[in-house]
PDB file of N, CA and C in Angstrom:
ATOM      1  N   UNK A   1     133.698 126.385  40.897  1.00  0.00           N
ATOM      2  CA  UNK A   1     132.547 125.433  41.464  1.00  0.00           C
ATOM      3  C   UNK A   1     132.425 124.689  40.277  1.00  0.00           C
ATOM      4  N   UNK A   2     132.280 123.311  40.663  1.00  0.00           N
ATOM      5  CA  UNK A   2     132.005 122.146  39.340  1.00  0.00           C
ATOM      6  C   UNK A   2     130.899 122.430  38.805  1.00  0.00           C
ATOM      7  N   UNK A   3     130.870 122.618  37.221  1.00  0.00           N
ATOM      8  CA  UNK A   3     129.879 123.026  36.649  1.00  0.00           C
ATOM      9  C   UNK A   3     129.087 121.621  36.422  1.00  0.00           C
ATOM     10  N   UNK A   4     129.443 120.457  36.762  1.00  0.00           N
ATOM     11  CA  UNK A   4     128.386 119.454  36.378  1.00  0.00           C
ATOM     12  C   UNK A   4     127.640 119.521  37.866  1.00  0.00           C
ATOM     13  N   UNK A   5     127.708 120.249  39.092  1.00  0.00           N
ATOM     14  CA  UNK A   5     126.999 120.320  40.012  1.00  0.00           C
ATOM     15  C   UNK A   5     125.620 120.891  39.668  1.00  0.00           C
ATOM     16  N   UNK A   6     124.447 120.506  40.348  1.00  0.00           N
ATOM     17  CA  UNK A   6     123.084 120.872  40.255  1.00  0.00           C
ATOM     18  C   UNK A   6     122.326 121.081  41.578  1.00  0.00           C
ATOM     19  N   UNK A   7     121.669 121.914  41.531  1.00  0.00           N
ATOM     20  CA  UNK A   7     120.488 121.984  43.025  1.00  0.00           C
ATOM     21  C   UNK A   7     119.268 121.923  42.440  1.00  0.00           C
ATOM     22  N   UNK A   8     118.577 120.761  43.069  1.00  0.00           N
ATOM     23  CA  UNK A   8     117.308 120.711  43.052  1.00  0.00           C
ATOM     24  C   UNK A   8     116.410 120.740  44.129  1.00  0.00           C
ATOM     25  N   UNK A   9     115.574 121.524  44.325  1.00  0.00           N
ATOM     26  CA  UNK A   9     114.762 121.826  45.342  1.00  0.00           C
ATOM     27  C   UNK A   9     113.394 121.691  44.992  1.00  0.00           C
ATOM     28  N   UNK A  10     112.739 120.702  45.740  1.00  0.00           N
ATOM     29  CA  UNK A  10     111.242 120.470  45.711  1.00  0.00           C
ATOM     30  C   UNK A  10     110.545 121.233  46.879  1.00  0.00           C
ATOM     31  N   UNK A  11     109.683 122.539  46.729  1.00  0.00           N
ATOM     32  CA  UNK A  11     108.826 123.007  47.322  1.00  0.00           C
ATOM     33  C   UNK A  11     107.696 122.480  47.639  1.00  0.00           C
ATOM     34  N   UNK A  12     107.156 122.274  48.806  1.00  0.00           N
ATOM     35  CA  UNK A  12     106.138 121.724  48.897  1.00  0.00           C
ATOM     36  C   UNK A  12     105.188 122.427  50.105  1.00  0.00           C
ATOM     37  N   UNK A  13     105.411 123.822  50.034  1.00  0.00           N
ATOM     38  CA  UNK A  13     104.783 124.770  51.197  1.00  0.00           C
ATOM     39  C   UNK A  13     104.718 125.789  50.493  1.00  0.00           C
ATOM     40  N   UNK A  14     103.810 126.496  51.051  1.00  0.00           N
ATOM     41  CA  UNK A  14     103.517 128.152  50.958  1.00  0.00           C
ATOM     42  C   UNK A  14     103.843 129.021  52.091  1.00  0.00           C
ATOM     43  N   UNK A  15     104.246 128.357  52.906  1.00  0.00           N
ATOM     44  CA  UNK A  15     104.857 129.079  54.252  1.00  0.00           C
ATOM     45  C   UNK A  15     105.925 130.092  53.767  1.00  0.00           C
ATOM     46  N   UNK A  16     106.013 131.533  54.253  1.00  0.00           N
ATOM     47  CA  UNK A  16     106.913 132.174  53.901  1.00  0.00           C
ATOM     48  C   UNK A  16     108.392 131.708  54.264  1.00  0.00           C
ATOM     49  N   UNK A  17     108.131 131.130  55.597  1.00  0.00           N
ATOM     50  CA  UNK A  17     109.647 130.732  56.109  1.00  0.00           C
ATOM     51  C   UNK A  17     110.331 129.586  55.350  1.00  0.00           C
ATOM     52  N   UNK A  18     109.651 128.766  54.695  1.00  0.00           N
ATOM     53  CA  UNK A  18     110.016 127.908  53.768  1.00  0.00           C
ATOM     54  C   UNK A  18     110.202 128.331  52.232  1.00  0.00           C
ATOM     55  N   UNK A  19     109.658 129.261  51.836  1.00  0.00           N
ATOM     56  CA  UNK A  19     109.522 129.729  50.510  1.00  0.00           C
ATOM     57  C   UNK A  19     110.687 130.536  50.091  1.00  0.00           C
ATOM     58  N   UNK A  20     110.824 131.619  50.826  1.00  0.00           N
ATOM     59  CA  UNK A  20     112.379 132.479  51.068  1.00  0.00           C
ATOM     60  C   UNK A  20     113.526 131.863  51.058  1.00  0.00           C
ATOM     61  N   UNK A  21     113.782 130.651  51.899  1.00  0.00           N
ATOM     62  CA  UNK A  21     115.054 130.303  51.912  1.00  0.00           C
ATOM     63  C   UNK A  21     114.996 129.265  50.447  1.00  0.00           C
ATOM     64  N   UNK A  22     114.150 128.642  50.152  1.00  0.00           N
ATOM     65  CA  UNK A  22     114.113 128.007  48.792  1.00  0.00           C
ATOM     66  C   UNK A  22     114.713 128.504  47.751  1.00  0.00           C
ATOM     67  N   UNK A  23     113.713 130.014  47.633  1.00  0.00           N
ATOM     68  CA  UNK A  23     114.105 130.731  46.470  1.00  0.00           C
ATOM     69  C   UNK A  23     115.532 131.547  46.456  1.00  0.00           C
ATOM     70  N   UNK A  24     115.654 131.559  48.021  1.00  0.00           N
ATOM     71  CA  UNK A  24     117.079 132.346  47.994  1.00  0.00           C
ATOM     72  C   UNK A  24     118.271 131.045  47.583  1.00  0.00           C
ATOM     73  N   UNK A  25     118.308 129.849  47.786  1.00  0.00           N
ATOM     74  CA  UNK A  25     118.955 129.078  47.312  1.00  0.00           C
ATOM     75  C   UNK A  25     119.116 128.949  45.915  1.00  0.00           C
ATOM     76  N   UNK A  26     118.110 129.095  45.062  1.00  0.00           N
ATOM     77  CA  UNK A  26     117.887 128.941  43.821  1.00  0.00           C
ATOM     78  C   UNK A  26     118.481 130.005  43.087  1.00  0.00           C
ATOM     79  N   UNK A  27     118.388 131.006  43.523  1.00  0.00           N
ATOM     80  CA  UNK A  27     118.720 132.432  42.995  1.00  0.00           C
ATOM     81  C   UNK A  27     120.110 132.479  43.348  1.00  0.00           C
ATOM     82  N   UNK A  28     120.850 132.246  44.526  1.00  0.00           N
ATOM     83  CA  UNK A  28     122.085 132.246  44.746  1.00  0.00           C
ATOM     84  C   UNK A  28     123.075 131.210  43.846  1.00  0.00           C
ATOM     85  N   UNK A  29     122.513 130.023  43.834  1.00  0.00           N
ATOM     86  CA  UNK A  29     123.312 128.836  42.948  1.00  0.00           C
ATOM     87  C   UNK A  29     122.760 129.112  41.602  1.00  0.00           C
ATOM     88  N   UNK A  30     121.957 129.934  41.173  1.00  0.00           N
ATOM     89  CA  UNK A  30     121.842 130.548  39.757  1.00  0.00           C
ATOM     90  C   UNK A  30     122.768 131.581  39.460  1.00  0.00           C
ATOM     91  N   UNK A  31     123.235 132.756  40.469  1.00  0.00           N
ATOM     92  CA  UNK A  31     124.107 133.680  40.284  1.00  0.00           C
ATOM     93  C   UNK A  31     125.731 133.142  40.133  1.00  0.00           C
ATOM     94  N   UNK A  32     125.614 131.880  40.849  1.00  0.00           N
ATOM     95  CA  UNK A  32     127.168 131.341  40.502  1.00  0.00           C
ATOM     96  C   UNK A  32     127.329 130.346  39.216  1.00  0.00           C
ATOM     97  N   UNK A  33     126.143 130.349  38.797  1.00  0.00           N
ATOM     98  CA  UNK A  33     126.436 129.655  37.493  1.00  0.00           C
ATOM     99  C   UNK A  33     125.747 128.198  37.771  1.00  0.00           C
ATOM    100  N   UNK A  34     125.411 127.845  38.852  1.00  0.00           N
ATOM    101  CA  UNK A  34     124.992 126.151  38.825  1.00  0.00           C
ATOM    102  C   UNK A  34     123.487 126.102  38.255  1.00  0.00           C
ATOM    103  N   UNK A  35     123.398 124.896  37.763  1.00  0.00           N
ATOM    104  CA  UNK A  35     122.000 124.443  37.252  1.00  0.00           C
ATOM    105  C   UNK A  35     121.301 124.392  38.599  1.00  0.00           C
ATOM    106  N   UNK A  36     120.008 125.341  38.532  1.00  0.00           N
ATOM    107  CA  UNK A  36     119.215 125.231  39.573  1.00  0.00           C
ATOM    108  C   UNK A  36     117.817 124.798  39.177  1.00  0.00           C
ATOM    109  N   UNK A  37     117.208 124.283  39.765  1.00  0.00           N
ATOM    110  CA  UNK A  37     115.788 123.697  39.506  1.00  0.00           C
ATOM    111  C   UNK A  37     115.033 123.719  40.807  1.00  0.00           C
ATOM    112  N   UNK A  38     113.620 124.378  40.493  1.00  0.00           N
ATOM    113  CA  UNK A  38     112.754 124.494  41.699  1.00  0.00           C
ATOM    114  C   UNK A  38     111.521 123.688  41.168  1.00  0.00           C
ATOM    115  N   UNK A  39     110.916 122.759  42.001  1.00  0.00           N
ATOM    116  CA  UNK A  39     109.877 122.394  41.455  1.00  0.00           C
ATOM    117  C   UNK A  39     108.846 122.265  42.609  1.00  0.00           C
ATOM    118  N   UNK A  40     107.769 122.798  42.273  1.00  0.00           N
ATOM    119  CA  UNK A  40     106.693 123.354  42.889  1.00  0.00           C
ATOM    120  C   UNK A  40     105.605 122.341  43.279  1.00  0.00           C
ATOM    121  N   UNK A  41     105.152 122.135  44.331  1.00  0.00           N
ATOM    122  CA  UNK A  41     104.014 121.226  43.927  1.00  0.00           C
ATOM    123  C   UNK A  41     103.161 121.222  45.583  1.00  0.00           C
ATOM    124  N   UNK A  42     102.093 120.601  45.577  1.00  0.00           N
ATOM    125  CA  UNK A  42     101.426 120.916  46.700  1.00  0.00           C
ATOM    126  C   UNK A  42     100.933 122.373  46.771  1.00  0.00           C
ATOM    127  N   UNK A  43     101.063 122.798  48.117  1.00  0.00           N
ATOM    128  CA  UNK A  43     101.067 124.151  48.644  1.00  0.00           C
ATOM    129  C   UNK A  43     102.075 125.040  47.873  1.00  0.00           C
ATOM    130  N   UNK A  44     103.229 124.457  47.641  1.00  0.00           N
ATOM    131  CA  UNK A  44     104.335 125.209  46.981  1.00  0.00           C
ATOM    132  C   UNK A  44     104.114 125.792  45.751  1.00  0.00           C
ATOM    133  N   UNK A  45     102.746 125.257  44.919  1.00  0.00           N
ATOM    134  CA  UNK A  45     102.278 125.573  43.716  1.00  0.00           C
ATOM    135  C   UNK A  45     101.840 127.175  43.835  1.00  0.00           C
ATOM    136  N   UNK A  46     101.495 127.429  45.221  1.00  0.00           N
ATOM    137  CA  UNK A  46     101.050 128.940  45.026  1.00  0.00           C
ATOM    138  C   UNK A  46     102.300 129.948  44.815  1.00  0.00           C
ATOM    139  N   UNK A  47     103.348 129.718  44.986  1.00  0.00           N
ATOM    140  CA  UNK A  47     104.520 130.547  44.697  1.00  0.00           C
ATOM    141  C   UNK A  47     104.384 130.730  43.123  1.00  0.00           C
ATOM    142  N   UNK A  48     104.206 130.028  42.338  1.00  0.00           N
ATOM    143  CA  UNK A  48     104.401 129.939  40.857  1.00  0.00           C
ATOM    144  C   UNK A  48     103.225 130.441  40.215  1.00  0.00           C
ATOM    145  N   UNK A  49     102.025 130.774  41.227  1.00  0.00           N
ATOM    146  CA  UNK A  49     100.787 131.083  40.439  1.00  0.00           C
ATOM    147  C   UNK A  49     100.379 132.697  40.559  1.00  0.00           C
ATOM    148  N   UNK A  50     100.219 133.043  39.565  1.00  0.00           N
ATOM    149  CA  UNK A  50     100.005 134.625  39.371  1.00  0.00           C
ATOM    150  C   UNK A  50      99.323 135.200  40.530  1.00  0.00           C
ATOM    151  N   UNK A  51      97.954 134.500  40.722  1.00  0.00           N
ATOM    152  CA  UNK A  51      97.022 135.090  41.709  1.00  0.00           C
ATOM    153  C   UNK A  51      97.350 134.894  43.174  1.00  0.00           C
ATOM    154  N   UNK A  52      98.061 134.388  43.602  1.00  0.00           N
ATOM    155  CA  UNK A  52      98.858 133.819  45.188  1.00  0.00           C
ATOM    156  C   UNK A  52     100.053 134.163  45.341  1.00  0.00           C
ATOM    157  N   UNK A  53     100.942 134.298  44.206  1.00  0.00           N
ATOM    158  CA  UNK A  53     102.210 134.666  44.922  1.00  0.00           C
ATOM    159  C   UNK A  53     102.526 135.743  45.659  1.00  0.00           C
ATOM    160  N   UNK A  54     101.749 136.902  45.247  1.00  0.00           N
ATOM    161  CA  UNK A  54     102.221 138.316  45.725  1.00  0.00           C
ATOM    162  C   UNK A  54     101.277 138.350  47.451  1.00  0.00           C
ATOM    163  N   UNK A  55     100.665 136.966  47.626  1.00  0.00           N
ATOM    164  CA  UNK A  55     100.259 137.195  49.214  1.00  0.00           C
ATOM    165  C   UNK A  55     101.273 136.355  50.221  1.00  0.00           C
ATOM    166  N   UNK A  56     102.141 135.803  49.525  1.00  0.00           N
ATOM    167  CA  UNK A  56     103.146 135.270  50.090  1.00  0.00           C
ATOM    168  C   UNK A  56     104.354 136.352  50.452  1.00  0.00           C
ATOM    169  N   UNK A  57     104.521 136.551  51.785  1.00  0.00           N
ATOM    170  CA  UNK A  57     105.638 137.608  52.435  1.00  0.00           C
ATOM    171  C   UNK A  57     106.084 137.623  53.644  1.00  0.00           C
ATOM    172  N   UNK A  58     107.249 138.353  53.566  1.00  0.00           N
ATOM    173  CA  UNK A  58     107.863 138.274  54.963  1.00  0.00           C
ATOM    174  C   UNK A  58     108.397 139.858  55.158  1.00  0.00           C
ATOM    175  N   UNK A  59     108.220 140.173  56.521  1.00  0.00           N
ATOM    176  CA  UNK A  59     108.592 141.422  56.746  1.00  0.00           C
ATOM    177  C   UNK A  59     110.132 141.872  56.013  1.00  0.00           C
ATOM    178  N   UNK A  60     110.437 142.949  55.605  1.00  0.00           N
ATOM    179  CA  UNK A  60     111.652 143.493  55.301  1.00  0.00           C
ATOM    180  C   UNK A  60     112.348 142.616  54.040  1.00  0.00           C
ATOM    181  N   UNK A  61     111.425 141.832  53.363  1.00  0.00           N
ATOM    182  CA  UNK A  61     111.821 140.900  52.242  1.00  0.00           C
ATOM    183  C   UNK A  61     111.532 141.390  51.260  1.00  0.00           C
ATOM    184  N   UNK A  62     112.118 141.322  49.967  1.00  0.00           N
ATOM    185  CA  UNK A  62     111.508 141.513  48.498  1.00  0.00           C
ATOM    186  C   UNK A  62     110.402 140.660  48.412  1.00  0.00           C
ATOM    187  N   UNK A  63     109.667 140.823  47.406  1.00  0.00           N
ATOM    188  CA  UNK A  63     108.407 140.067  47.112  1.00  0.00           C
ATOM    189  C   UNK A  63     108.892 138.823  46.648  1.00  0.00           C
ATOM    190  N   UNK A  64     108.280 137.965  46.906  1.00  0.00           N
ATOM    191  CA  UNK A  64     108.350 136.412  46.249  1.00  0.00           C
ATOM    192  C   UNK A  64     108.458 136.456  44.702  1.00  0.00           C
ATOM    193  N   UNK A  65     107.622 137.258  44.176  1.00  0.00           N
ATOM    194  CA  UNK A  65     107.277 137.359  42.560  1.00  0.00           C
ATOM    195  C   UNK A  65     109.022 137.687  42.032  1.00  0.00           C
ATOM    196  N   UNK A  66     109.677 138.899  43.008  1.00  0.00           N
ATOM    197  CA  UNK A  66     111.092 139.266  42.437  1.00  0.00           C
ATOM    198  C   UNK A  66     111.780 138.207  42.500  1.00  0.00           C
ATOM    199  N   UNK A  67     111.816 137.280  43.522  1.00  0.00           N
ATOM    200  CA  UNK A  67     112.930 136.376  43.478  1.00  0.00           C
ATOM    201  C   UNK A  67     112.594 135.314  42.651  1.00  0.00           C
ATOM    202  N   UNK A  68     111.484 135.156  42.349  1.00  0.00           N
ATOM    203  CA  UNK A  68     110.912 133.859  41.244  1.00  0.00           C
ATOM    204  C   UNK A  68     111.411 134.704  39.798  1.00  0.00           C
ATOM    205  N   UNK A  69     111.376 136.103  39.656  1.00  0.00           N
ATOM    206  CA  UNK A  69     111.652 136.202  37.940  1.00  0.00           C
ATOM    207  C   UNK A  69     112.966 136.476  38.091  1.00  0.00           C
ATOM    208  N   UNK A  70     113.945 136.969  39.271  1.00  0.00           N
ATOM    209  CA  UNK A  70     114.984 136.916  39.215  1.00  0.00           C
ATOM    210  C   UNK A  70     116.069 135.470  38.838  1.00  0.00           C
ATOM    211  N   UNK A  71     115.255 134.550  39.378  1.00  0.00           N
ATOM    212  CA  UNK A  71     115.802 133.390  39.350  1.00  0.00           C
ATOM    213  C   UNK A  71     115.474 132.765  37.872  1.00  0.00           C
ATOM    214  N   UNK A  72     114.487 133.003  37.580  1.00  0.00           N
ATOM    215  CA  UNK A  72     114.323 132.576  36.364  1.00  0.00           C
ATOM    216  C   UNK A  72     115.214 133.488  34.734  1.00  0.00           C
ATOM    217  N   UNK A  73     115.576 134.516  35.185  1.00  0.00           N
ATOM    218  CA  UNK A  73     115.894 135.332  34.356  1.00  0.00           C
ATOM    219  C   UNK A  73     117.622 135.134  34.283  1.00  0.00           C
ATOM    220  N   UNK A  74     118.438 134.239  35.264  1.00  0.00           N
ATOM    221  CA  UNK A  74     119.456 133.709  35.670  1.00  0.00           C
ATOM    222  C   UNK A  74     119.421 132.391  34.954  1.00  0.00           C
ATOM    223  N   UNK A  75     118.391 131.549  34.732  1.00  0.00           N
ATOM    224  CA  UNK A  75     118.465 130.584  33.976  1.00  0.00           C
ATOM    225  C   UNK A  75     117.868 129.526  34.738  1.00  0.00           C
ATOM    226  N   UNK A  76     117.719 129.662  36.032  1.00  0.00           N
ATOM    227  CA  UNK A  76     116.889 128.512  36.930  1.00  0.00           C
ATOM    228  C   UNK A  76     115.632 127.994  36.004  1.00  0.00           C
ATOM    229  N   UNK A  77     115.656 126.586  36.420  1.00  0.00           N
ATOM    230  CA  UNK A  77     114.211 126.217  35.791  1.00  0.00           C
ATOM    231  C   UNK A  77     113.307 125.894  37.117  1.00  0.00           C
ATOM    232  N   UNK A  78     112.282 126.310  36.575  1.00  0.00           N
ATOM    233  CA  UNK A  78     111.005 126.258  37.886  1.00  0.00           C
ATOM    234  C   UNK A  78     109.743 125.741  37.036  1.00  0.00           C
ATOM    235  N   UNK A  79     109.335 124.851  37.720  1.00  0.00           N
ATOM    236  CA  UNK A  79     108.351 123.964  37.282  1.00  0.00           C
ATOM    237  C   UNK A  79     107.139 123.904  38.367  1.00  0.00           C
ATOM    238  N   UNK A  80     105.669 123.637  37.749  1.00  0.00           N
ATOM    239  CA  UNK A  80     104.782 123.017  38.454  1.00  0.00           C
ATOM    240  C   UNK A  80     105.082 121.806  38.368  1.00  0.00           C
ATOM    241  N   UNK A  81     104.825 120.833  39.304  1.00  0.00           N
ATOM    242  CA  UNK A  81     105.379 119.444  39.170  1.00  0.00           C
ATOM    243  C   UNK A  81     103.891 118.955  40.188  1.00  0.00           C
ATOM    244  N   UNK A  82     103.588 117.833  39.161  1.00  0.00           N
ATOM    245  CA  UNK A  82     102.345 116.826  40.025  1.00  0.00           C
ATOM    246  C   UNK A  82     102.230 115.572  39.538  1.00  0.00           C
ATOM    247  N   UNK A  83     101.695 114.441  39.866  1.00  0.00           N
ATOM    248  CA  UNK A  83     101.720 113.282  39.300  1.00  0.00           C
ATOM    249  C   UNK A  83     101.509 113.015  37.943  1.00  0.00           C
ATOM    250  N   UNK A  84     100.541 114.410  37.528  1.00  0.00           N
ATOM    251  CA  UNK A  84     100.220 114.237  36.346  1.00  0.00           C
ATOM    252  C   UNK A  84      99.547 115.716  35.882  1.00  0.00           C
ATOM    253  N   UNK A  85      99.563 115.930  34.788  1.00  0.00           N
ATOM    254  CA  UNK A  85      99.436 117.343  33.970  1.00  0.00           C
ATOM    255  C   UNK A  85      97.513 117.303  34.466  1.00  0.00           C
ATOM    256  N   UNK A  86      97.067 116.343  34.394  1.00  0.00           N
ATOM    257  CA  UNK A  86      95.438 116.243  34.837  1.00  0.00           C
ATOM    258  C   UNK A  86      94.997 116.783  36.046  1.00  0.00           C
ATOM    259  N   UNK A  87      96.138 116.399  37.066  1.00  0.00           N
ATOM    260  CA  UNK A  87      95.933 116.811  38.388  1.00  0.00           C
ATOM    261  C   UNK A  87      96.123 118.168  38.580  1.00  0.00           C
ATOM    262  N   UNK A  88      97.357 118.887  37.953  1.00  0.00           N
ATOM    263  CA  UNK A  88      97.690 120.158  38.189  1.00  0.00           C
ATOM    264  C   UNK A  88      96.304 121.160  37.460  1.00  0.00           C
ATOM    265  N   UNK A  89      95.696 120.536  36.674  1.00  0.00           N
ATOM    266  CA  UNK A  89      94.653 121.314  36.063  1.00  0.00           C
ATOM    267  C   UNK A  89      93.284 121.371  36.815  1.00  0.00           C
ATOM    268  N   UNK A  90      93.244 120.023  37.569  1.00  0.00           N
ATOM    269  CA  UNK A  90      92.144 120.038  38.687  1.00  0.00           C
ATOM    270  C   UNK A  90      92.636 121.173  39.946  1.00  0.00           C
ATOM    271  N   UNK A  91      94.035 121.244  40.380  1.00  0.00           N
ATOM    272  CA  UNK A  91      94.436 122.591  41.294  1.00  0.00           C
ATOM    273  C   UNK A  91      94.312 123.729  40.606  1.00  0.00           C
ATOM    274  N   UNK A  92      94.063 123.703  39.422  1.00  0.00           N
ATOM    275  CA  UNK A  92      93.785 125.309  38.849  1.00  0.00           C
ATOM    276  C   UNK A  92      95.240 125.900  38.299  1.00  0.00           C
ATOM    277  N   UNK A  93      95.884 124.856  37.980  1.00  0.00           N
ATOM    278  CA  UNK A  93      97.180 125.226  37.475  1.00  0.00           C
ATOM    279  C   UNK A  93      97.608 125.010  35.966  1.00  0.00           C
ATOM    280  N   UNK A  94      97.672 125.808  35.254  1.00  0.00           N
ATOM    281  CA  UNK A  94      97.750 125.817  33.815  1.00  0.00           C
ATOM    282  C   UNK A  94      98.902 126.813  33.179  1.00  0.00           C
ATOM    283  N   UNK A  95      98.894 126.727  32.365  1.00  0.00           N
ATOM    284  CA  UNK A  95     100.095 128.065  31.454  1.00  0.00           C
ATOM    285  C   UNK A  95      99.467 129.455  31.713  1.00  0.00           C
ATOM    286  N   UNK A  96      98.099 129.582  31.748  1.00  0.00           N
ATOM    287  CA  UNK A  96      97.501 131.037  32.113  1.00  0.00           C
ATOM    288  C   UNK A  96      97.918 131.625  33.225  1.00  0.00           C
ATOM    289  N   UNK A  97      97.670 130.311  34.415  1.00  0.00           N
ATOM    290  CA  UNK A  97      97.671 130.793  35.633  1.00  0.00           C
ATOM    291  C   UNK A  97      99.216 130.564  36.506  1.00  0.00           C
ATOM    292  N   UNK A  98     100.240 130.395  35.586  1.00  0.00           N
ATOM    293  CA  UNK A  98     101.600 130.253  36.163  1.00  0.00           C
ATOM    294  C   UNK A  98     102.526 131.774  35.523  1.00  0.00           C
ATOM    295  N   UNK A  99     103.423 131.971  36.141  1.00  0.00           N
ATOM    296  CA  UNK A  99     104.305 133.132  36.098  1.00  0.00           C
ATOM    297  C   UNK A  99     105.006 132.896  34.584  1.00  0.00           C
ATOM    298  N   UNK A 100     105.379 133.811  33.668  1.00  0.00           N
ATOM    299  CA  UNK A 100     106.008 133.509  32.441  1.00  0.00           C
ATOM    300  C   UNK A 100     107.570 133.092  32.982  1.00  0.00           C
ATOM    301  N   UNK A 101     107.709 131.810  32.288  1.00  0.00           N
ATOM    302  CA  UNK A 101     109.093 131.175  32.438  1.00  0.00           C
ATOM    303  C   UNK A 101     108.722 129.802  33.163  1.00  0.00           C
ATOM    304  N   UNK A 102     107.604 129.674  33.745  1.00  0.00           N
ATOM    305  CA  UNK A 102     107.370 128.544  34.782  1.00  0.00           C
ATOM    306  C   UNK A 102     107.011 127.325  33.839  1.00  0.00           C
ATOM    307  N   UNK A 103     107.556 126.259  34.042  1.00  0.00           N
ATOM    308  CA  UNK A 103     107.185 125.197  33.144  1.00  0.00           C
ATOM    309  C   UNK A 103     106.118 123.893  33.683  1.00  0.00           C
ATOM    310  N   UNK A 104     105.552 123.300  33.176  1.00  0.00           N
ATOM    311  CA  UNK A 104     104.558 122.397  33.702  1.00  0.00           C
ATOM    312  C   UNK A 104     105.167 121.105  33.530  1.00  0.00           C
ATOM    313  N   UNK A 105     105.589 120.096  34.622  1.00  0.00           N
ATOM    314  CA  UNK A 105     106.222 118.835  34.477  1.00  0.00           C
ATOM    315  C   UNK A 105     105.452 117.739  35.460  1.00  0.00           C
ATOM    316  N   UNK A 106     105.331 116.648  35.142  1.00  0.00           N
ATOM    317  CA  UNK A 106     105.041 115.669  35.792  1.00  0.00           C
ATOM    318  C   UNK A 106     106.077 115.085  36.868  1.00  0.00           C
ATOM    319  N   UNK A 107     105.539 114.147  37.528  1.00  0.00           N
ATOM    320  CA  UNK A 107     106.823 113.670  38.522  1.00  0.00           C
ATOM    321  C   UNK A 107     107.881 112.939  38.011  1.00  0.00           C
ATOM    322  N   UNK A 108     107.357 112.285  37.137  1.00  0.00           N
ATOM    323  CA  UNK A 108     108.091 111.224  36.591  1.00  0.00           C
ATOM    324  C   UNK A 108     109.367 111.795  35.993  1.00  0.00           C
ATOM    325  N   UNK A 109     109.221 113.002  35.236  1.00  0.00           N
ATOM    326  CA  UNK A 109     110.041 113.728  34.331  1.00  0.00           C
ATOM    327  C   UNK A 109     111.186 114.445  35.655  1.00  0.00           C
ATOM    328  N   UNK A 110     110.611 115.014  36.744  1.00  0.00           N
ATOM    329  CA  UNK A 110     111.629 115.613  37.862  1.00  0.00           C
ATOM    330  C   UNK A 110     112.386 114.285  38.210  1.00  0.00           C
ATOM    331  N   UNK A 111     111.532 113.222  38.386  1.00  0.00           N
ATOM    332  CA  UNK A 111     112.337 112.022  39.293  1.00  0.00           C
ATOM    333  C   UNK A 111     113.367 111.451  38.243  1.00  0.00           C
ATOM    334  N   UNK A 112     113.630 111.725  36.867  1.00  0.00           N
ATOM    335  CA  UNK A 112     114.444 111.344  35.935  1.00  0.00           C
ATOM    336  C   UNK A 112     115.629 112.153  36.081  1.00  0.00           C
ATOM    337  N   UNK A 113     115.353 113.553  36.222  1.00  0.00           N
ATOM    338  CA  UNK A 113     116.382 114.554  35.943  1.00  0.00           C
ATOM    339  C   UNK A 113     117.130 114.668  37.505  1.00  0.00           C
ATOM    340  N   UNK A 114     116.476 114.444  38.505  1.00  0.00           N
ATOM    341  CA  UNK A 114     116.937 114.790  39.931  1.00  0.00           C
ATOM    342  C   UNK A 114     117.579 113.347  40.277  1.00  0.00           C
ATOM    343  N   UNK A 115     117.460 112.327  40.092  1.00  0.00           N
ATOM    344  CA  UNK A 115     117.672 111.111  40.198  1.00  0.00           C
ATOM    345  C   UNK A 115     119.232 110.863  39.648  1.00  0.00           C
ATOM    346  N   UNK A 116     119.106 111.233  38.279  1.00  0.00           N
ATOM    347  CA  UNK A 116     120.644 111.393  37.488  1.00  0.00           C
ATOM    348  C   UNK A 116     121.428 112.253  38.101  1.00  0.00           C
ATOM    349  N   UNK A 117     121.063 113.386  38.320  1.00  0.00           N
ATOM    350  CA  UNK A 117     121.874 114.652  39.198  1.00  0.00           C
ATOM    351  C   UNK A 117     122.545 114.026  40.286  1.00  0.00           C
ATOM    352  N   UNK A 118     121.823 113.389  41.387  1.00  0.00           N
ATOM    353  CA  UNK A 118     121.997 112.705  42.682  1.00  0.00           C
ATOM    354  C   UNK A 118     123.158 111.857  42.612  1.00  0.00           C
ATOM    355  N   UNK A 119     122.925 111.004  41.520  1.00  0.00           N
ATOM    356  CA  UNK A 119     124.047 109.880  41.348  1.00  0.00           C
ATOM    357  C   UNK A 119     125.459 110.793  40.968  1.00  0.00           C
ATOM    358  N   UNK A 120     125.239 111.774  40.189  1.00  0.00           N
ATOM    359  CA  UNK A 120     126.657 112.238  40.191  1.00  0.00           C
ATOM    360  C   UNK A 120     126.860 113.416  41.364  1.00  0.00           C
ATOM    361  N   UNK A 121     126.257 113.522  42.229  1.00  0.00           N
ATOM    362  CA  UNK A 121     126.736 114.274  43.613  1.00  0.00           C
ATOM    363  C   UNK A 121     126.148 115.600  43.562  1.00  0.00           C
ATOM    364  N   UNK A 122     125.220 115.997  42.817  1.00  0.00           N
ATOM    365  CA  UNK A 122     124.438 117.084  42.907  1.00  0.00           C
ATOM    366  C   UNK A 122     123.277 117.044  44.300  1.00  0.00           C
ATOM    367  N   UNK A 123     122.779 118.169  44.512  1.00  0.00           N
ATOM    368  CA  UNK A 123     121.812 118.314  45.811  1.00  0.00           C
ATOM    369  C   UNK A 123     120.527 118.182  45.405  1.00  0.00           C
ATOM    370  N   UNK A 124     119.860 117.359  46.087  1.00  0.00           N
ATOM    371  CA  UNK A 124     118.406 117.307  45.956  1.00  0.00           C
ATOM    372  C   UNK A 124     117.783 117.426  47.163  1.00  0.00           C
ATOM    373  N   UNK A 125     116.972 118.548  47.322  1.00  0.00           N
ATOM    374  CA  UNK A 125     116.375 119.018  48.890  1.00  0.00           C
ATOM    375  C   UNK A 125     114.881 119.176  48.857  1.00  0.00           C
ATOM    376  N   UNK A 126     114.368 118.454  49.756  1.00  0.00           N
ATOM    377  CA  UNK A 126     112.761 118.906  49.978  1.00  0.00           C
ATOM    378  C   UNK A 126     112.429 119.935  51.090  1.00  0.00           C
ATOM    379  N   UNK A 127     111.768 121.083  50.468  1.00  0.00           N
ATOM    380  CA  UNK A 127     111.374 122.257  51.499  1.00  0.00           C
ATOM    381  C   UNK A 127     109.793 122.655  51.898  1.00  0.00           C
TER     382      UNK A 127
END
């Protein structure tokens, strides 16, 4: 694999049919040593909030929490992303409500990183 390649996924949904594929891609890429980034925004924030992630499930699949923890342990960057930290606070997102290892990031920071990676041929997906 090309070590300069990166995978950036923006998760905007809490629907299991979107959450599981996004987390599967991040986990798989991290397993291969590809720098992987998962930015959760809007309803996707439910995936990284302690009180709501366990309610997202699919029959026969491991808990979302397990995918999230495994991804972070393999070095994936996972962030709560919004136009501003103030907006995240209004949505009930702060360091106490997020899983350990999840960062808080403003949209500008995401764009700076993802646009730079896209110019180098990395993948940026919205799910």
